[in-house]
């Protein structure tokens, strides 16, 4: 599958992979910051943004989408940066095609199974009646019981198009059916020996100490950094802190320190 992309800049290629219910535009501030030094490609993952919809959301398949899309753009090797779901897709790509991943940054996720209640969230989204009179305020109220956080509701509702024919921009039915795969991790064979950085938010519990041996078993050069004042959405919670870590990691990929 060829994915929809947002591209900017020139230089060594960097691919940005977003998380569940997100889109390429979620990386906007980070993309703008590094575009002066890189060719930055932010991808809408399948069933998200403006990319096609399909039932298979396994991480091996998502990794194939990324590889195929980058190859269609003439990019053979890239630094691959992924958050949450995108981080698992990035890991899968590094394990399947290590020569295509010049360096790997995984934001706040580990190659393990999770249970984060995303099925309940997806079903609450699907239960919103899509009538022409539906307003953002009404949709927000309908999600409140399943999603107490106003900030997360606002993030989710970015995917809803209002008007005479309201619709979900994302493949919500396909995502709902694939939650077990998205929260899980079917371990892939192989290993990745290239530079790998696992970036966490210091207020997040997604990547715990007991996950580190699991990570290092396949990502032998893995290092770990925690960004202060950040939760799971580390690049959104503290953009400056995340950007500082990213720039340092990309230093010998072509960006000057402090650039």
Protein backbone atom coordinates (compact mmCIF):
# COMPACT_ATOMS: atom_id res chain seq x y z
CA UNK A 1 0.00 0.00 0.00
CA UNK A 2 1.30 3.46 -0.92
CA UNK A 3 0.57 5.79 1.98
CA UNK A 4 -0.31 9.47 1.89
CA UNK A 5 2.62 11.63 2.98
CA UNK A 6 3.47 15.17 4.00
CA UNK A 7 6.94 16.05 2.76
CA UNK A 8 9.28 18.94 3.37
CA UNK A 9 12.96 19.80 3.34
CA UNK A 10 16.03 18.38 1.65
CA UNK A 11 18.87 16.24 2.93
CA UNK A 12 19.15 12.83 4.57
CA UNK A 13 15.67 11.26 4.71
CA UNK A 14 13.71 10.98 7.95
CA UNK A 15 10.38 9.13 8.16
CA UNK A 16 7.85 10.04 10.87
CA UNK A 17 5.21 7.47 11.90
CA UNK A 18 2.28 8.55 14.09
CA UNK A 19 0.31 6.64 16.70
CA UNK A 20 -3.18 5.13 16.86
CA UNK A 21 -6.01 7.52 15.89
CA UNK A 22 -3.38 10.05 14.77
CA UNK A 23 -2.15 11.39 11.44
CA UNK A 24 0.98 12.68 9.75
CA UNK A 25 0.03 16.23 10.71
CA UNK A 26 0.55 15.36 14.39
CA UNK A 27 4.28 15.66 13.70
CA UNK A 28 3.90 19.18 12.26
CA UNK A 29 6.02 21.11 14.78
CA UNK A 30 8.79 18.48 14.78
CA UNK A 31 8.74 18.24 10.99
CA UNK A 32 9.06 22.00 10.57
CA UNK A 33 11.92 22.12 13.08
CA UNK A 34 14.11 19.52 11.33
CA UNK A 35 13.14 20.23 7.69
CA UNK A 36 15.97 22.78 7.25
CA UNK A 37 18.42 19.86 7.48
CA UNK A 38 16.47 16.83 6.28
CA UNK A 39 14.07 15.49 3.73
CA UNK A 40 11.24 14.78 6.16
CA UNK A 41 8.44 12.41 5.19
CA UNK A 42 5.51 12.18 7.63
CA UNK A 43 3.23 9.29 6.72
CA UNK A 44 -0.47 8.70 7.31
CA UNK A 45 -0.51 5.05 8.34
CA UNK A 46 -3.14 2.79 6.75
CA UNK A 47 -6.69 3.51 7.99
CA UNK A 48 -5.52 6.93 9.16
CA UNK A 49 -5.44 10.41 7.66
CA UNK A 50 -5.71 10.36 3.88
CA UNK A 51 -4.23 6.89 3.39
CA UNK A 52 -6.29 3.95 2.07
CA UNK A 53 -8.25 1.67 4.38
CA UNK A 54 -7.74 -2.09 4.72
CA UNK A 55 -8.51 -4.77 7.28
CA UNK A 56 -4.96 -5.99 7.98
CA UNK A 57 -3.31 -3.79 10.61
CA UNK A 58 -0.56 -6.18 11.67
CA UNK A 59 2.77 -4.51 12.29
CA UNK A 60 4.55 -6.55 9.64
CA UNK A 61 2.02 -5.22 7.13
CA UNK A 62 2.35 -1.65 8.39
CA UNK A 63 6.12 -1.93 8.06
CA UNK A 64 5.71 -3.12 4.49
CA UNK A 65 3.54 -0.05 3.77
CA UNK A 66 6.28 2.23 5.04
CA UNK A 67 9.03 0.47 3.10
CA UNK A 68 6.97 0.46 -0.10
CA UNK A 69 5.99 4.12 0.25
CA UNK A 70 9.54 5.29 0.91
CA UNK A 71 10.81 3.22 -2.01
CA UNK A 72 8.18 4.83 -4.27
CA UNK A 73 9.70 8.18 -3.28
CA UNK A 74 13.18 7.01 -4.20
CA UNK A 75 14.24 6.56 -0.57
CA UNK A 76 16.19 3.37 0.08
CA UNK A 77 17.40 4.14 3.62
CA UNK A 78 15.93 6.54 6.19
CA UNK A 79 16.07 7.39 9.84
CA UNK A 80 12.72 6.07 11.09
CA UNK A 81 10.97 7.79 13.98
CA UNK A 82 7.76 6.28 15.36
CA UNK A 83 5.43 7.03 18.26
CA UNK A 84 3.29 4.36 19.95
CA UNK A 85 1.62 2.36 17.13
CA UNK A 86 4.06 4.03 14.74
CA UNK A 87 6.90 3.00 17.05
CA UNK A 88 5.88 -0.65 16.76
CA UNK A 89 5.66 -0.31 12.98
CA UNK A 90 9.13 1.28 13.00
CA UNK A 91 10.52 -1.61 15.07
CA UNK A 92 8.94 -4.11 12.70
CA UNK A 93 10.54 -2.36 9.73
CA UNK A 94 13.95 -2.36 11.40
CA UNK A 95 13.69 -6.08 12.13
CA UNK A 96 12.45 -7.04 8.66
CA UNK A 97 14.67 -4.70 6.62
CA UNK A 98 17.51 -3.51 8.86
CA UNK A 99 19.41 -2.15 5.87
CA UNK A 100 16.56 0.24 5.13
CA UNK A 101 16.63 1.83 8.59
CA UNK A 102 19.66 4.04 9.07
CA UNK A 103 18.71 4.69 12.66
CA UNK A 104 15.65 4.07 14.76
CA UNK A 105 13.90 6.22 17.35
CA UNK A 106 10.91 4.71 19.16
CA UNK A 107 8.78 7.08 21.23
CA UNK A 108 7.13 5.63 24.33
CA UNK A 109 6.35 2.08 23.35
CA UNK A 110 7.99 -1.34 23.78
CA UNK A 111 7.78 -4.54 21.73
CA UNK A 112 5.32 -6.12 24.18
CA UNK A 113 1.58 -6.66 24.53
CA UNK A 114 -0.52 -3.89 26.08
CA UNK A 115 -4.12 -3.52 27.25
CA UNK A 116 -5.00 0.15 27.13
CA UNK A 117 -8.76 0.14 26.60
CA UNK A 118 -8.59 1.28 22.99
CA UNK A 119 -11.42 -1.05 21.99
CA UNK A 120 -13.82 0.77 24.33
CA UNK A 121 -12.66 4.10 22.90
CA UNK A 122 -13.13 2.92 19.30
CA UNK A 123 -16.60 1.58 20.06
CA UNK A 124 -17.59 4.83 21.75
CA UNK A 125 -16.45 6.71 18.66
CA UNK A 126 -18.42 4.37 16.40
CA UNK A 127 -21.54 4.83 18.56
CA UNK A 128 -21.77 8.57 17.80
CA UNK A 129 -24.77 9.03 15.45
CA UNK A 130 -23.49 10.77 12.33
CA UNK A 131 -26.38 13.10 11.55
CA UNK A 132 -26.11 16.36 9.55
CA UNK A 133 -26.95 18.31 12.71
CA UNK A 134 -24.15 16.78 14.77
CA UNK A 135 -21.92 19.41 16.35
CA UNK A 136 -18.45 19.14 17.81
CA UNK A 137 -19.84 19.89 21.27
CA UNK A 138 -22.40 17.09 20.96
CA UNK A 139 -19.82 14.59 19.76
CA UNK A 140 -17.50 15.59 22.60
CA UNK A 141 -20.27 15.03 25.16
CA UNK A 142 -21.04 11.60 23.71
CA UNK A 143 -17.42 10.53 24.16
CA UNK A 144 -17.03 11.89 27.68
CA UNK A 145 -17.97 8.74 29.59
CA UNK A 146 -15.53 6.54 27.66
CA UNK A 147 -12.81 9.19 27.35
CA UNK A 148 -12.68 11.41 30.47
CA UNK A 149 -9.75 13.50 29.20
CA UNK A 150 -10.91 16.54 27.23
CA UNK A 151 -7.51 16.72 25.55
CA UNK A 152 -7.72 13.14 24.28
CA UNK A 153 -11.31 13.69 23.11
CA UNK A 154 -10.17 16.70 21.11
CA UNK A 155 -7.40 14.58 19.58
CA UNK A 156 -9.85 11.81 18.63
CA UNK A 157 -12.44 14.18 17.20
CA UNK A 158 -9.92 15.64 14.78
CA UNK A 159 -10.79 12.54 12.76
CA UNK A 160 -14.50 13.42 12.46
CA UNK A 161 -15.75 15.43 9.51
CA UNK A 162 -18.92 17.42 10.20
CA UNK A 163 -21.49 18.84 7.79
CA UNK A 164 -24.24 17.54 5.54
CA UNK A 165 -22.58 14.13 5.32
CA UNK A 166 -20.52 13.66 8.48
CA UNK A 167 -18.01 10.82 8.41
CA UNK A 168 -15.00 9.42 10.16
CA UNK A 169 -11.87 10.17 8.21
CA UNK A 170 -10.16 7.11 9.67
CA UNK A 171 -11.07 3.49 8.96
CA UNK A 172 -12.84 3.19 12.28
CA UNK A 173 -14.44 -0.20 11.59
CA UNK A 174 -11.11 -1.68 10.51
CA UNK A 175 -9.32 -0.20 13.51
CA UNK A 176 -11.95 -1.47 15.95
CA UNK A 177 -11.68 -5.00 14.55
CA UNK A 178 -7.87 -4.90 14.81
CA UNK A 179 -7.44 -3.51 18.34
CA UNK A 180 -6.05 -6.81 19.65
CA UNK A 181 -3.35 -6.74 16.96
CA UNK A 182 -2.63 -3.05 17.55
CA UNK A 183 -2.27 -3.43 21.31
CA UNK A 184 -0.37 -6.70 20.94
CA UNK A 185 3.01 -7.60 19.51
CA UNK A 186 3.66 -10.69 17.43
CA UNK A 187 7.41 -11.05 17.86
CA UNK A 188 9.22 -10.93 14.56
CA UNK A 189 12.44 -12.84 13.87
CA UNK A 190 15.71 -11.09 13.36
CA UNK A 191 17.56 -8.27 15.04
CA UNK A 192 18.60 -4.69 14.41
CA UNK A 193 22.14 -3.67 15.23
CA UNK A 194 21.93 -0.04 14.14
CA UNK A 195 21.57 3.01 16.40
CA UNK A 196 18.32 2.71 18.33
CA UNK A 197 16.94 5.16 20.86
CA UNK A 198 13.88 4.49 22.99
CA UNK A 199 12.48 7.81 24.20
CA UNK A 200 9.94 7.85 27.00
CA UNK A 201 7.98 10.47 28.88
CA UNK A 202 8.98 10.63 32.54
CA UNK A 203 5.26 10.60 33.44
CA UNK A 204 4.47 7.56 31.30
CA UNK A 205 4.54 3.89 32.32
CA UNK A 206 4.45 2.43 28.81
CA UNK A 207 8.14 1.44 28.80
CA UNK A 208 9.17 -0.05 32.14
CA UNK A 209 12.49 -1.31 33.44
CA UNK A 210 11.47 -4.93 32.86
CA UNK A 211 10.99 -4.16 29.16
CA UNK A 212 14.62 -3.21 28.62
CA UNK A 213 16.01 -6.78 28.36
CA UNK A 214 13.23 -7.59 25.87
CA UNK A 215 14.14 -4.55 23.79
CA UNK A 216 17.88 -5.26 23.88
CA UNK A 217 17.33 -8.89 22.83
CA UNK A 218 16.49 -7.63 19.33
CA UNK A 219 17.81 -4.07 19.36
CA UNK A 220 21.29 -4.67 20.68
CA UNK A 221 22.46 -1.04 20.53
CA UNK A 222 19.33 0.32 22.22
CA UNK A 223 19.70 3.35 24.49
CA UNK A 224 17.02 4.90 26.68
CA UNK A 225 16.18 8.55 27.37
CA UNK A 226 13.31 10.02 29.40
CA UNK A 227 11.94 13.45 28.47
CA UNK A 228 10.91 15.51 31.48
CA UNK A 229 7.39 16.88 31.91
CA UNK A 230 6.00 14.45 29.34
CA UNK A 231 3.54 11.60 29.32
CA UNK A 232 2.80 9.11 26.55
CA UNK A 233 2.44 11.84 23.89
CA UNK A 234 6.01 12.82 24.57
CA UNK A 235 6.57 14.89 21.39
CA UNK A 236 3.36 16.84 22.02
CA UNK A 237 3.70 17.20 25.81
CA UNK A 238 7.22 18.62 25.66
CA UNK A 239 8.10 19.43 22.03
CA UNK A 240 11.29 21.28 22.94
CA UNK A 241 12.54 18.44 25.12
CA UNK A 242 11.73 15.81 22.51
CA UNK A 243 13.28 17.90 19.73
CA UNK A 244 16.50 18.29 21.70
CA UNK A 245 16.77 14.51 22.07
CA UNK A 246 15.91 13.96 18.41
CA UNK A 247 18.47 16.47 17.16
CA UNK A 248 21.21 14.90 19.25
CA UNK A 249 20.28 11.45 17.95
CA UNK A 250 20.31 12.64 14.34
CA UNK A 251 23.58 14.57 14.74
CA UNK A 252 25.79 12.29 12.67
CA UNK A 253 22.91 11.60 10.25
CA UNK A 254 23.40 15.15 8.98
CA UNK A 255 22.10 17.75 11.42
CA UNK A 256 24.41 20.10 13.32
CA UNK A 257 23.96 20.19 17.07
CA UNK A 258 21.74 23.06 18.08
CA UNK A 259 20.56 23.34 14.47
